[in-house]
């Protein structure tokens, strides 16, 4: 039959459905984007940041709007340097998550960059 159970989540917790039901898991740390440059010049922007413990890959999204409705590009990489190579010159909001071995994403780190295509 149906079993209904409330799962309460703290800020760093995520939930995933396993054979045994809903499990809570501690999410990976949020990527640290503090040292990424505000301005990128060239053919692509490479979002480079310290590795997150236990992450198996990383996810970046670039958008014109802070809500990431109008996505311009997204990419995945197993190492913490994520290329954005389809950008036109302009300002972009970027959002980066770390992904664990079950495919669960951390809370996002967000930033804003200026890209000048050359």
PDB file of N, CA and C in Angstrom:
ATOM      1  N   UNK A   1       0.831  -1.200   0.000  1.00  0.00           N
ATOM      2  CA  UNK A   1       0.000   0.000   0.000  1.00  0.00           C
ATOM      3  C   UNK A   1       0.863   1.246   0.000  1.00  0.00           C
ATOM      4  N   UNK A   2       0.185   2.378  -0.003  1.00  0.00           N
ATOM      5  CA  UNK A   2       0.886   3.653  -0.008  1.00  0.00           C
ATOM      6  C   UNK A   2       1.350   3.976   1.402  1.00  0.00           C
ATOM      7  N   UNK A   3       2.591   4.336   1.532  1.00  0.00           N
ATOM      8  CA  UNK A   3       3.005   4.810   2.842  1.00  0.00           C
ATOM      9  C   UNK A   3       3.425   6.244   2.678  1.00  0.00           C
ATOM     10  N   UNK A   4       2.855   7.119   3.451  1.00  0.00           N
ATOM     11  CA  UNK A   4       3.195   8.529   3.369  1.00  0.00           C
ATOM     12  C   UNK A   4       4.070   8.877   4.547  1.00  0.00           C
ATOM     13  N   UNK A   5       5.175   9.501   4.242  1.00  0.00           N
ATOM     14  CA  UNK A   5       6.093   9.870   5.300  1.00  0.00           C
ATOM     15  C   UNK A   5       6.608  11.263   4.996  1.00  0.00           C
ATOM     16  N   UNK A   6       6.649  12.101   5.980  1.00  0.00           N
ATOM     17  CA  UNK A   6       7.185  13.443   5.794  1.00  0.00           C
ATOM     18  C   UNK A   6       8.682  13.395   6.013  1.00  0.00           C
ATOM     19  N   UNK A   7       9.411  13.980   5.107  1.00  0.00           N
ATOM     20  CA  UNK A   7      10.858  14.040   5.242  1.00  0.00           C
ATOM     21  C   UNK A   7      11.227  15.502   5.451  1.00  0.00           C
ATOM     22  N   UNK A   8      11.860  15.805   6.570  1.00  0.00           N
ATOM     23  CA  UNK A   8      12.271  17.190   6.769  1.00  0.00           C
ATOM     24  C   UNK A   8      13.720  17.337   6.342  1.00  0.00           C
ATOM     25  N   UNK A   9      13.982  18.403   5.635  1.00  0.00           N
ATOM     26  CA  UNK A   9      15.304  18.617   5.069  1.00  0.00           C
ATOM     27  C   UNK A   9      15.930  19.865   5.664  1.00  0.00           C
ATOM     28  N   UNK A  10      17.161  19.740   6.098  1.00  0.00           N
ATOM     29  CA  UNK A  10      17.913  20.919   6.477  1.00  0.00           C
ATOM     30  C   UNK A  10      18.526  21.508   5.219  1.00  0.00           C
ATOM     31  N   UNK A  11      19.137  22.651   5.353  1.00  0.00           N
ATOM     32  CA  UNK A  11      19.641  23.351   4.181  1.00  0.00           C
ATOM     33  C   UNK A  11      20.630  22.521   3.375  1.00  0.00           C
ATOM     34  N   UNK A  12      21.481  21.761   4.057  1.00  0.00           N
ATOM     35  CA  UNK A  12      22.503  21.000   3.347  1.00  0.00           C
ATOM     36  C   UNK A  12      22.037  19.596   2.982  1.00  0.00           C
ATOM     37  N   UNK A  13      20.776  19.281   3.227  1.00  0.00           N
ATOM     38  CA  UNK A  13      20.296  17.927   2.950  1.00  0.00           C
ATOM     39  C   UNK A  13      19.559  17.865   1.634  1.00  0.00           C
ATOM     40  N   UNK A  14      19.629  16.704   1.005  1.00  0.00           N
ATOM     41  CA  UNK A  14      18.831  16.459  -0.187  1.00  0.00           C
ATOM     42  C   UNK A  14      18.060  15.182   0.050  1.00  0.00           C
ATOM     43  N   UNK A  15      17.173  14.850  -0.846  1.00  0.00           N
ATOM     44  CA  UNK A  15      16.419  13.608  -0.732  1.00  0.00           C
ATOM     45  C   UNK A  15      16.503  12.873  -2.052  1.00  0.00           C
ATOM     46  N   UNK A  16      16.563  11.574  -1.977  1.00  0.00           N
ATOM     47  CA  UNK A  16      16.495  10.791  -3.197  1.00  0.00           C
ATOM     48  C   UNK A  16      15.702   9.539  -2.888  1.00  0.00           C
ATOM     49  N   UNK A  17      15.108   8.964  -3.907  1.00  0.00           N
ATOM     50  CA  UNK A  17      14.261   7.799  -3.707  1.00  0.00           C
ATOM     51  C   UNK A  17      15.106   6.557  -3.983  1.00  0.00           C
ATOM     52  N   UNK A  18      15.193   5.694  -3.000  1.00  0.00           N
ATOM     53  CA  UNK A  18      15.917   4.441  -3.136  1.00  0.00           C
ATOM     54  C   UNK A  18      14.915   3.302  -3.025  1.00  0.00           C
ATOM     55  N   UNK A  19      15.389   2.079  -3.231  1.00  0.00           N
ATOM     56  CA  UNK A  19      14.495   0.919  -3.156  1.00  0.00           C
ATOM     57  C   UNK A  19      13.808   0.846  -1.792  1.00  0.00           C
ATOM     58  N   UNK A  20      14.534   1.310  -0.775  1.00  0.00           N
ATOM     59  CA  UNK A  20      13.983   1.226   0.578  1.00  0.00           C
ATOM     60  C   UNK A  20      13.094   2.421   0.927  1.00  0.00           C
ATOM     61  N   UNK A  21      12.873   3.316  -0.018  1.00  0.00           N
ATOM     62  CA  UNK A  21      12.044   4.487   0.245  1.00  0.00           C
ATOM     63  C   UNK A  21      12.849   5.748   0.084  1.00  0.00           C
ATOM     64  N   UNK A  22      12.364   6.826   0.662  1.00  0.00           N
ATOM     65  CA  UNK A  22      13.060   8.108   0.542  1.00  0.00           C
ATOM     66  C   UNK A  22      14.201   8.138   1.543  1.00  0.00           C
ATOM     67  N   UNK A  23      15.368   8.434   1.058  1.00  0.00           N
ATOM     68  CA  UNK A  23      16.547   8.563   1.908  1.00  0.00           C
ATOM     69  C   UNK A  23      16.945  10.028   1.940  1.00  0.00           C
ATOM     70  N   UNK A  24      17.439  10.481   3.068  1.00  0.00           N
ATOM     71  CA  UNK A  24      18.036  11.818   3.063  1.00  0.00           C
ATOM     72  C   UNK A  24      19.538  11.641   3.000  1.00  0.00           C
ATOM     73  N   UNK A  25      20.171  12.604   2.407  1.00  0.00           N
ATOM     74  CA  UNK A  25      21.616  12.532   2.230  1.00  0.00           C
ATOM     75  C   UNK A  25      22.171  13.924   2.414  1.00  0.00           C
ATOM     76  N   UNK A  26      23.374  14.003   2.925  1.00  0.00           N
ATOM     77  CA  UNK A  26      24.006  15.318   3.037  1.00  0.00           C
ATOM     78  C   UNK A  26      24.471  15.742   1.652  1.00  0.00           C
ATOM     79  N   UNK A  27      24.078  16.938   1.274  1.00  0.00           N
ATOM     80  CA  UNK A  27      24.488  17.434  -0.036  1.00  0.00           C
ATOM     81  C   UNK A  27      25.967  17.796  -0.018  1.00  0.00           C
ATOM     82  N   UNK A  28      26.549  17.782  -1.201  1.00  0.00           N
ATOM     83  CA  UNK A  28      27.923  18.250  -1.345  1.00  0.00           C
ATOM     84  C   UNK A  28      27.994  19.745  -1.032  1.00  0.00           C
ATOM     85  N   UNK A  29      29.198  20.178  -0.706  1.00  0.00           N
ATOM     86  CA  UNK A  29      29.399  21.606  -0.467  1.00  0.00           C
ATOM     87  C   UNK A  29      29.119  22.400  -1.741  1.00  0.00           C
ATOM     88  N   UNK A  30      28.767  23.649  -1.552  1.00  0.00           N
ATOM     89  CA  UNK A  30      28.527  24.546  -2.681  1.00  0.00           C
ATOM     90  C   UNK A  30      29.889  24.940  -3.272  1.00  0.00           C
ATOM     91  N   UNK A  31      30.036  24.873  -4.593  1.00  0.00           N
ATOM     92  CA  UNK A  31      31.316  25.302  -5.191  1.00  0.00           C
ATOM     93  C   UNK A  31      31.659  26.740  -4.795  1.00  0.00           C
ATOM     94  N   UNK A  32      32.943  26.990  -4.633  1.00  0.00           N
ATOM     95  CA  UNK A  32      33.414  28.314  -4.238  1.00  0.00           C
ATOM     96  C   UNK A  32      33.854  29.085  -5.482  1.00  0.00           C
ATOM     97  N   UNK A  33      33.054  30.060  -5.863  1.00  0.00           N
ATOM     98  CA  UNK A  33      33.342  30.855  -7.067  1.00  0.00           C
ATOM     99  C   UNK A  33      33.968  32.203  -6.732  1.00  0.00           C
ATOM    100  N   UNK A  34      34.431  32.372  -5.497  1.00  0.00           N
ATOM    101  CA  UNK A  34      34.909  33.698  -5.080  1.00  0.00           C
ATOM    102  C   UNK A  34      36.080  34.207  -5.908  1.00  0.00           C
ATOM    103  N   UNK A  35      36.888  33.297  -6.422  1.00  0.00           N
ATOM    104  CA  UNK A  35      38.078  33.756  -7.145  1.00  0.00           C
ATOM    105  C   UNK A  35      37.950  33.731  -8.662  1.00  0.00           C
ATOM    106  N   UNK A  36      36.737  33.509  -9.169  1.00  0.00           N
ATOM    107  CA  UNK A  36      36.628  33.568 -10.630  1.00  0.00           C
ATOM    108  C   UNK A  36      36.651  35.039 -11.060  1.00  0.00           C
ATOM    109  N   UNK A  37      37.275  35.324 -12.205  1.00  0.00           N
ATOM    110  CA  UNK A  37      37.339  36.724 -12.634  1.00  0.00           C
ATOM    111  C   UNK A  37      35.956  37.267 -13.012  1.00  0.00           C
ATOM    112  N   UNK A  38      35.816  38.575 -12.901  1.00  0.00           N
ATOM    113  CA  UNK A  38      34.562  39.218 -13.287  1.00  0.00           C
ATOM    114  C   UNK A  38      34.491  39.409 -14.797  1.00  0.00           C
ATOM    115  N   UNK A  39      35.663  39.425 -15.434  1.00  0.00           N
ATOM    116  CA  UNK A  39      35.737  39.680 -16.869  1.00  0.00           C
ATOM    117  C   UNK A  39      36.505  38.552 -17.549  1.00  0.00           C
ATOM    118  N   UNK A  40      35.928  38.014 -18.606  1.00  0.00           N
ATOM    119  CA  UNK A  40      36.591  37.006 -19.433  1.00  0.00           C
ATOM    120  C   UNK A  40      36.715  37.566 -20.846  1.00  0.00           C
ATOM    121  N   UNK A  41      37.898  37.382 -21.445  1.00  0.00           N
ATOM    122  CA  UNK A  41      38.097  37.804 -22.832  1.00  0.00           C
ATOM    123  C   UNK A  41      38.581  36.608 -23.629  1.00  0.00           C
ATOM    124  N   UNK A  42      38.147  36.524 -24.880  1.00  0.00           N
ATOM    125  CA  UNK A  42      38.650  35.470 -25.747  1.00  0.00           C
ATOM    126  C   UNK A  42      37.540  34.738 -26.455  1.00  0.00           C
ATOM    127  N   UNK A  43      37.766  33.464 -26.738  1.00  0.00           N
ATOM    128  CA  UNK A  43      36.776  32.653 -27.453  1.00  0.00           C
ATOM    129  C   UNK A  43      35.837  31.937 -26.498  1.00  0.00           C
ATOM    130  N   UNK A  44      36.287  31.785 -25.226  1.00  0.00           N
ATOM    131  CA  UNK A  44      35.463  31.061 -24.267  1.00  0.00           C
ATOM    132  C   UNK A  44      35.769  31.567 -22.867  1.00  0.00           C
ATOM    133  N   UNK A  45      34.829  31.321 -21.975  1.00  0.00           N
ATOM    134  CA  UNK A  45      35.040  31.611 -20.554  1.00  0.00           C
ATOM    135  C   UNK A  45      35.224  30.270 -19.857  1.00  0.00           C
ATOM    136  N   UNK A  46      36.254  30.153 -19.033  1.00  0.00           N
ATOM    137  CA  UNK A  46      36.470  28.921 -18.272  1.00  0.00           C
ATOM    138  C   UNK A  46      36.269  29.237 -16.790  1.00  0.00           C
ATOM    139  N   UNK A  47      35.217  28.677 -16.223  1.00  0.00           N
ATOM    140  CA  UNK A  47      34.894  28.884 -14.817  1.00  0.00           C
ATOM    141  C   UNK A  47      35.706  27.854 -14.029  1.00  0.00           C
ATOM    142  N   UNK A  48      36.711  28.334 -13.336  1.00  0.00           N
ATOM    143  CA  UNK A  48      37.712  27.490 -12.687  1.00  0.00           C
ATOM    144  C   UNK A  48      37.631  27.719 -11.185  1.00  0.00           C
ATOM    145  N   UNK A  49      37.521  26.679 -10.389  1.00  0.00           N
ATOM    146  CA  UNK A  49      37.297  26.847  -8.948  1.00  0.00           C
ATOM    147  C   UNK A  49      37.837  25.625  -8.206  1.00  0.00           C
ATOM    148  N   UNK A  50      37.999  25.722  -6.887  1.00  0.00           N
ATOM    149  CA  UNK A  50      38.538  24.580  -6.139  1.00  0.00           C
ATOM    150  C   UNK A  50      37.592  23.369  -6.205  1.00  0.00           C
ATOM    151  N   UNK A  51      38.183  22.192  -6.231  1.00  0.00           N
ATOM    152  CA  UNK A  51      37.381  20.963  -6.265  1.00  0.00           C
ATOM    153  C   UNK A  51      36.527  20.852  -4.999  1.00  0.00           C
ATOM    154  N   UNK A  52      35.374  20.233  -5.144  1.00  0.00           N
ATOM    155  CA  UNK A  52      34.477  19.982  -4.013  1.00  0.00           C
ATOM    156  C   UNK A  52      34.665  18.523  -3.589  1.00  0.00           C
ATOM    157  N   UNK A  53      34.833  18.289  -2.296  1.00  0.00           N
ATOM    158  CA  UNK A  53      35.005  16.916  -1.796  1.00  0.00           C
ATOM    159  C   UNK A  53      33.867  16.015  -2.253  1.00  0.00           C
ATOM    160  N   UNK A  54      34.216  14.851  -2.745  1.00  0.00           N
ATOM    161  CA  UNK A  54      33.270  13.793  -3.144  1.00  0.00           C
ATOM    162  C   UNK A  54      32.435  14.115  -4.379  1.00  0.00           C
ATOM    163  N   UNK A  55      32.766  15.173  -5.086  1.00  0.00           N
ATOM    164  CA  UNK A  55      32.043  15.461  -6.325  1.00  0.00           C
ATOM    165  C   UNK A  55      32.600  14.567  -7.431  1.00  0.00           C
ATOM    166  N   UNK A  56      31.706  14.033  -8.268  1.00  0.00           N
ATOM    167  CA  UNK A  56      32.159  13.255  -9.414  1.00  0.00           C
ATOM    168  C   UNK A  56      32.092  14.071 -10.694  1.00  0.00           C
ATOM    169  N   UNK A  57      31.239  15.092 -10.705  1.00  0.00           N
ATOM    170  CA  UNK A  57      31.249  16.032 -11.819  1.00  0.00           C
ATOM    171  C   UNK A  57      30.589  17.332 -11.417  1.00  0.00           C
ATOM    172  N   UNK A  58      30.664  18.286 -12.332  1.00  0.00           N
ATOM    173  CA  UNK A  58      30.211  19.648 -12.072  1.00  0.00           C
ATOM    174  C   UNK A  58      29.328  20.105 -13.218  1.00  0.00           C
ATOM    175  N   UNK A  59      28.468  21.062 -12.914  1.00  0.00           N
ATOM    176  CA  UNK A  59      27.450  21.526 -13.867  1.00  0.00           C
ATOM    177  C   UNK A  59      27.473  23.054 -13.851  1.00  0.00           C
ATOM    178  N   UNK A  60      27.572  23.657 -15.021  1.00  0.00           N
ATOM    179  CA  UNK A  60      27.491  25.118 -15.104  1.00  0.00           C
ATOM    180  C   UNK A  60      26.357  25.504 -16.039  1.00  0.00           C
ATOM    181  N   UNK A  61      25.688  26.584 -15.702  1.00  0.00           N
ATOM    182  CA  UNK A  61      24.677  27.172 -16.576  1.00  0.00           C
ATOM    183  C   UNK A  61      24.975  28.663 -16.690  1.00  0.00           C
ATOM    184  N   UNK A  62      24.776  29.201 -17.881  1.00  0.00           N
ATOM    185  CA  UNK A  62      24.917  30.636 -18.105  1.00  0.00           C
ATOM    186  C   UNK A  62      23.599  31.142 -18.674  1.00  0.00           C
ATOM    187  N   UNK A  63      23.152  32.279 -18.159  1.00  0.00           N
ATOM    188  CA  UNK A  63      21.862  32.831 -18.583  1.00  0.00           C
ATOM    189  C   UNK A  63      21.945  34.348 -18.588  1.00  0.00           C
ATOM    190  N   UNK A  64      21.023  34.957 -19.313  1.00  0.00           N
ATOM    191  CA  UNK A  64      20.945  36.416 -19.309  1.00  0.00           C
ATOM    192  C   UNK A  64      20.220  36.932 -18.076  1.00  0.00           C
ATOM    193  N   UNK A  65      19.372  36.108 -17.497  1.00  0.00           N
ATOM    194  CA  UNK A  65      18.529  36.555 -16.382  1.00  0.00           C
ATOM    195  C   UNK A  65      18.913  35.811 -15.103  1.00  0.00           C
ATOM    196  N   UNK A  66      18.703  36.445 -13.934  1.00  0.00           N
ATOM    197  CA  UNK A  66      19.106  35.824 -12.665  1.00  0.00           C
ATOM    198  C   UNK A  66      18.282  34.593 -12.286  1.00  0.00           C
ATOM    199  N   UNK A  67      17.138  34.394 -12.918  1.00  0.00           N
ATOM    200  CA  UNK A  67      16.317  33.215 -12.624  1.00  0.00           C
ATOM    201  C   UNK A  67      16.644  32.026 -13.529  1.00  0.00           C
ATOM    202  N   UNK A  68      17.566  32.219 -14.462  1.00  0.00           N
ATOM    203  CA  UNK A  68      18.020  31.149 -15.355  1.00  0.00           C
ATOM    204  C   UNK A  68      16.881  30.557 -16.182  1.00  0.00           C
ATOM    205  N   UNK A  69      15.952  31.444 -16.557  1.00  0.00           N
ATOM    206  CA  UNK A  69      14.882  31.026 -17.468  1.00  0.00           C
ATOM    207  C   UNK A  69      15.420  31.008 -18.897  1.00  0.00           C
ATOM    208  N   UNK A  70      16.219  32.014 -19.230  1.00  0.00           N
ATOM    209  CA  UNK A  70      16.742  32.136 -20.593  1.00  0.00           C
ATOM    210  C   UNK A  70      18.184  31.625 -20.620  1.00  0.00           C
ATOM    211  N   UNK A  71      18.324  30.304 -20.603  1.00  0.00           N
ATOM    212  CA  UNK A  71      19.647  29.687 -20.596  1.00  0.00           C
ATOM    213  C   UNK A  71      20.324  29.901 -21.930  1.00  0.00           C
ATOM    214  N   UNK A  72      21.583  30.300 -21.886  1.00  0.00           N
ATOM    215  CA  UNK A  72      22.369  30.473 -23.097  1.00  0.00           C
ATOM    216  C   UNK A  72      23.199  29.214 -23.355  1.00  0.00           C
ATOM    217  N   UNK A  73      23.736  28.644 -22.268  1.00  0.00           N
ATOM    218  CA  UNK A  73      24.594  27.477 -22.422  1.00  0.00           C
ATOM    219  C   UNK A  73      24.659  26.725 -21.111  1.00  0.00           C
ATOM    220  N   UNK A  74      24.837  25.422 -21.191  1.00  0.00           N
ATOM    221  CA  UNK A  74      25.166  24.659 -20.000  1.00  0.00           C
ATOM    222  C   UNK A  74      26.144  23.559 -20.341  1.00  0.00           C
ATOM    223  N   UNK A  75      26.948  23.202 -19.373  1.00  0.00           N
ATOM    224  CA  UNK A  75      27.987  22.212 -19.586  1.00  0.00           C
ATOM    225  C   UNK A  75      28.242  21.414 -18.321  1.00  0.00           C
ATOM    226  N   UNK A  76      28.783  20.218 -18.512  1.00  0.00           N
ATOM    227  CA  UNK A  76      29.203  19.349 -17.410  1.00  0.00           C
ATOM    228  C   UNK A  76      30.679  19.028 -17.597  1.00  0.00           C
ATOM    229  N   UNK A  77      31.374  18.814 -16.488  1.00  0.00           N
ATOM    230  CA  UNK A  77      32.758  18.352 -16.590  1.00  0.00           C
ATOM    231  C   UNK A  77      33.097  17.579 -15.322  1.00  0.00           C
ATOM    232  N   UNK A  78      33.988  16.607 -15.451  1.00  0.00           N
ATOM    233  CA  UNK A  78      34.399  15.839 -14.279  1.00  0.00           C
ATOM    234  C   UNK A  78      35.407  16.588 -13.427  1.00  0.00           C
ATOM    235  N   UNK A  79      36.044  17.601 -13.987  1.00  0.00           N
ATOM    236  CA  UNK A  79      36.950  18.411 -13.177  1.00  0.00           C
ATOM    237  C   UNK A  79      36.370  19.817 -13.027  1.00  0.00           C
ATOM    238  N   UNK A  80      36.798  20.541 -11.986  1.00  0.00           N
ATOM    239  CA  UNK A  80      36.150  21.820 -11.658  1.00  0.00           C
ATOM    240  C   UNK A  80      36.630  22.989 -12.514  1.00  0.00           C
ATOM    241  N   UNK A  81      36.621  22.768 -13.816  1.00  0.00           N
ATOM    242  CA  UNK A  81      36.808  23.890 -14.745  1.00  0.00           C
ATOM    243  C   UNK A  81      35.824  23.680 -15.888  1.00  0.00           C
ATOM    244  N   UNK A  82      34.905  24.595 -15.981  1.00  0.00           N
ATOM    245  CA  UNK A  82      33.749  24.433 -16.849  1.00  0.00           C
ATOM    246  C   UNK A  82      33.806  25.467 -17.956  1.00  0.00           C
ATOM    247  N   UNK A  83      33.807  24.986 -19.199  1.00  0.00           N
ATOM    248  CA  UNK A  83      33.924  25.892 -20.342  1.00  0.00           C
ATOM    249  C   UNK A  83      32.564  26.382 -20.807  1.00  0.00           C
ATOM    250  N   UNK A  84      32.515  27.662 -21.123  1.00  0.00           N
ATOM    251  CA  UNK A  84      31.368  28.262 -21.801  1.00  0.00           C
ATOM    252  C   UNK A  84      31.914  28.821 -23.102  1.00  0.00           C
ATOM    253  N   UNK A  85      31.519  28.222 -24.229  1.00  0.00           N
ATOM    254  CA  UNK A  85      32.136  28.627 -25.499  1.00  0.00           C
ATOM    255  C   UNK A  85      31.119  29.107 -26.523  1.00  0.00           C
ATOM    256  N   UNK A  86      29.856  29.275 -26.118  1.00  0.00           N
ATOM    257  CA  UNK A  86      28.830  29.733 -27.071  1.00  0.00           C
ATOM    258  C   UNK A  86      28.325  31.127 -26.717  1.00  0.00           C
ATOM    259  N   UNK A  87      29.098  31.863 -25.929  1.00  0.00           N
ATOM    260  CA  UNK A  87      28.624  33.156 -25.452  1.00  0.00           C
ATOM    261  C   UNK A  87      28.945  34.274 -26.441  1.00  0.00           C
ATOM    262  N   UNK A  88      28.007  35.195 -26.582  1.00  0.00           N
ATOM    263  CA  UNK A  88      28.292  36.466 -27.246  1.00  0.00           C
ATOM    264  C   UNK A  88      28.793  37.433 -26.176  1.00  0.00           C
ATOM    265  N   UNK A  89      29.377  38.547 -26.604  1.00  0.00           N
ATOM    266  CA  UNK A  89      29.826  39.540 -25.629  1.00  0.00           C
ATOM    267  C   UNK A  89      28.645  40.038 -24.808  1.00  0.00           C
ATOM    268  N   UNK A  90      28.870  40.209 -23.516  1.00  0.00           N
ATOM    269  CA  UNK A  90      27.816  40.727 -22.647  1.00  0.00           C
ATOM    270  C   UNK A  90      27.927  40.172 -21.241  1.00  0.00           C
ATOM    271  N   UNK A  91      26.967  40.586 -20.414  1.00  0.00           N
ATOM    272  CA  UNK A  91      26.902  40.105 -19.035  1.00  0.00           C
ATOM    273  C   UNK A  91      26.111  38.811 -18.956  1.00  0.00           C
ATOM    274  N   UNK A  92      26.565  37.898 -18.107  1.00  0.00           N
ATOM    275  CA  UNK A  92      25.860  36.632 -17.891  1.00  0.00           C
ATOM    276  C   UNK A  92      25.798  36.313 -16.412  1.00  0.00           C
ATOM    277  N   UNK A  93      24.701  35.707 -16.021  1.00  0.00           N
ATOM    278  CA  UNK A  93      24.610  35.084 -14.711  1.00  0.00           C
ATOM    279  C   UNK A  93      25.093  33.651 -14.880  1.00  0.00           C
ATOM    280  N   UNK A  94      25.926  33.187 -13.969  1.00  0.00           N
ATOM    281  CA  UNK A  94      26.390  31.802 -14.020  1.00  0.00           C
ATOM    282  C   UNK A  94      25.991  31.104 -12.730  1.00  0.00           C
ATOM    283  N   UNK A  95      25.723  29.822 -12.867  1.00  0.00           N
ATOM    284  CA  UNK A  95      25.292  29.008 -11.735  1.00  0.00           C
ATOM    285  C   UNK A  95      26.044  27.687 -11.824  1.00  0.00           C
ATOM    286  N   UNK A  96      26.691  27.298 -10.742  1.00  0.00           N
ATOM    287  CA  UNK A  96      27.523  26.099 -10.740  1.00  0.00           C
ATOM    288  C   UNK A  96      27.104  25.183  -9.594  1.00  0.00           C
ATOM    289  N   UNK A  97      26.963  23.893  -9.895  1.00  0.00           N
ATOM    290  CA  UNK A  97      26.697  22.907  -8.847  1.00  0.00           C
ATOM    291  C   UNK A  97      27.730  21.788  -8.931  1.00  0.00           C
ATOM    292  N   UNK A  98      27.928  21.121  -7.802  1.00  0.00           N
ATOM    293  CA  UNK A  98      28.734  19.905  -7.738  1.00  0.00           C
ATOM    294  C   UNK A  98      27.766  18.728  -7.683  1.00  0.00           C
ATOM    295  N   UNK A  99      28.131  17.623  -8.315  1.00  0.00           N
ATOM    296  CA  UNK A  99      27.241  16.461  -8.415  1.00  0.00           C
ATOM    297  C   UNK A  99      27.931  15.258  -7.787  1.00  0.00           C
ATOM    298  N   UNK A 100      27.205  14.535  -6.925  1.00  0.00           N
ATOM    299  CA  UNK A 100      27.816  13.367  -6.282  1.00  0.00           C
ATOM    300  C   UNK A 100      27.605  12.107  -7.118  1.00  0.00           C
ATOM    301  N   UNK A 101      28.085  10.982  -6.608  1.00  0.00           N
ATOM    302  CA  UNK A 101      28.073   9.752  -7.419  1.00  0.00           C
ATOM    303  C   UNK A 101      26.658   9.242  -7.688  1.00  0.00           C
ATOM    304  N   UNK A 102      25.669   9.710  -6.922  1.00  0.00           N
ATOM    305  CA  UNK A 102      24.282   9.311  -7.208  1.00  0.00           C
ATOM    306  C   UNK A 102      23.600  10.278  -8.171  1.00  0.00           C
ATOM    307  N   UNK A 103      24.331  11.330  -8.581  1.00  0.00           N
ATOM    308  CA  UNK A 103      23.733  12.303  -9.498  1.00  0.00           C
ATOM    309  C   UNK A 103      22.987  13.421  -8.804  1.00  0.00           C
ATOM    310  N   UNK A 104      23.155  13.543  -7.484  1.00  0.00           N
ATOM    311  CA  UNK A 104      22.460  14.599  -6.744  1.00  0.00           C
ATOM    312  C   UNK A 104      23.319  15.859  -6.748  1.00  0.00           C
ATOM    313  N   UNK A 105      22.695  16.977  -7.121  1.00  0.00           N
ATOM    314  CA  UNK A 105      23.415  18.240  -7.236  1.00  0.00           C
ATOM    315  C   UNK A 105      23.409  18.995  -5.917  1.00  0.00           C
ATOM    316  N   UNK A 106      24.509  19.688  -5.673  1.00  0.00           N
ATOM    317  CA  UNK A 106      24.596  20.568  -4.508  1.00  0.00           C
ATOM    318  C   UNK A 106      23.680  21.777  -4.735  1.00  0.00           C
ATOM    319  N   UNK A 107      23.541  22.579  -3.691  1.00  0.00           N
ATOM    320  CA  UNK A 107      22.927  23.891  -3.882  1.00  0.00           C
ATOM    321  C   UNK A 107      23.842  24.690  -4.816  1.00  0.00           C
ATOM    322  N   UNK A 108      23.281  25.609  -5.587  1.00  0.00           N
ATOM    323  CA  UNK A 108      24.102  26.302  -6.576  1.00  0.00           C
ATOM    324  C   UNK A 108      24.928  27.456  -6.007  1.00  0.00           C
ATOM    325  N   UNK A 109      26.102  27.624  -6.579  1.00  0.00           N
ATOM    326  CA  UNK A 109      26.862  28.856  -6.398  1.00  0.00           C
ATOM    327  C   UNK A 109      26.526  29.736  -7.595  1.00  0.00           C
ATOM    328  N   UNK A 110      26.343  31.013  -7.373  1.00  0.00           N
ATOM    329  CA  UNK A 110      25.977  31.891  -8.482  1.00  0.00           C
ATOM    330  C   UNK A 110      26.956  33.058  -8.566  1.00  0.00           C
ATOM    331  N   UNK A 111      27.087  33.592  -9.746  1.00  0.00           N
ATOM    332  CA  UNK A 111      27.949  34.742  -9.956  1.00  0.00           C
ATOM    333  C   UNK A 111      27.513  35.467 -11.216  1.00  0.00           C
ATOM    334  N   UNK A 112      28.194  36.567 -11.488  1.00  0.00           N
ATOM    335  CA  UNK A 112      27.893  37.336 -12.686  1.00  0.00           C
ATOM    336  C   UNK A 112      29.211  37.636 -13.364  1.00  0.00           C
ATOM    337  N   UNK A 113      29.267  37.413 -14.655  1.00  0.00           N
ATOM    338  CA  UNK A 113      30.507  37.662 -15.395  1.00  0.00           C
ATOM    339  C   UNK A 113      30.215  38.565 -16.591  1.00  0.00           C
ATOM    340  N   UNK A 114      31.265  39.241 -17.022  1.00  0.00           N
ATOM    341  CA  UNK A 114      31.228  39.975 -18.282  1.00  0.00           C
ATOM    342  C   UNK A 114      32.125  39.229 -19.251  1.00  0.00           C
ATOM    343  N   UNK A 115      31.591  38.907 -20.414  1.00  0.00           N
ATOM    344  CA  UNK A 115      32.362  38.192 -21.416  1.00  0.00           C
ATOM    345  C   UNK A 115      32.569  39.095 -22.615  1.00  0.00           C
ATOM    346  N   UNK A 116      33.816  39.192 -23.066  1.00  0.00           N
ATOM    347  CA  UNK A 116      34.118  39.944 -24.290  1.00  0.00           C
ATOM    348  C   UNK A 116      34.699  38.978 -25.302  1.00  0.00           C
ATOM    349  N   UNK A 117      33.909  38.713 -26.315  1.00  0.00           N
ATOM    350  CA  UNK A 117      34.342  37.776 -27.353  1.00  0.00           C
ATOM    351  C   UNK A 117      35.420  38.431 -28.197  1.00  0.00           C
ATOM    352  N   UNK A 118      36.540  37.704 -28.393  1.00  0.00           N
ATOM    353  CA  UNK A 118      37.616  38.249 -29.229  1.00  0.00           C
ATOM    354  C   UNK A 118      38.036  37.218 -30.247  1.00  0.00           C
TER     355      UNK A 118
END
